[in-house]
Amino acid sequence: MSGVKIQEINKAFPKEDGTVTQALAGVTLDIRDKEFVCLVGPSGCGKTTLLRIIAGLETATAGSVTVDGQRVTGPAPTRGMVFQEYSLFPWRRVIDNVAFGLEMKGVAKEERRKTAERYLEMVGLSQFRDAYPYELSGGMRQRVAIARALANDPEVLLMDEPFGALDAQTRNKMQKELLALWGQTKKTIVFVTHSVDEAVYLSDRIVVLSPRPGTVREVIPIPWPQPRDRTSAEFAEVRRRVLRMIDESEDFS
């Protein structure tokens, strides 16, 4: 089981003048095993900060996060992170980028290359195994980043605006590809996005955060199976509901 339990998370950032900025306040949320959850909310509400706390890249001021019953105290291979910027090593070939985490874990060269090749095939980039990142399009680079995260076989995949820098057509394609990968791997996914359309299209549940300090305003289940029709009346109604919630939050922030 690889559920995520977030209990009363607070996060404050100290400022130079001795005061603090409260980013998160009392965030409590249970994410089920194999669930796809999207975090949305007004700009500055702490979505990325919460994701980084789950990843172990930030330390909460108070509260706790557990993954599979184990308390998060720092980064761990059980949690894979995909950022908006591709974070690939430009001097390493695609296959070596994908195999990097396995190399750091001391996996033998032949085994890690076989694993990297399997995930490159899964994201449709086998023919680019020996290319360098600069030779790839933005969407292809992000697929390499996703393959690298999956190659470590994490229990939870954490994604911070992974398609935010892509054009609309590529973004829609990547959303479909991510859903196909999720169907194959059944990882628990926590996905931060500014796009409400993207959240309704991808997720089992949408978590709407309030303005800073962020807390859970509402959790909205999406009842329809994949694939989803963006042009349907039901899709539009949920999208309007979430947008209204975010707009109201910004009006009173």
Foldseek 3Di string as FASTA:
>chain_A
DWKKWWFQFWAWDADPVGDIFTAAGGATDIFDQLFAEEEEFDPSQCLVVVLCCQQQNDPTPDTWMDTPNHTRNHHDLQEFEQEQPLPFDQVQFLLCSLLVVVVVVVNDPVVSSVLSLVLCVLLPNNVRRGPGPVVDDLLVSSSSSVSSSCSSVHQEYEYEQNCVVDDPVSSVVVLVSVQVVSVVNSHHYYYYDHDLLSRLQRGQKYFYWAHPNTYTPDIGGNPDDPRDDCPDPVNVVVSVVNVVVNVVRVVVD
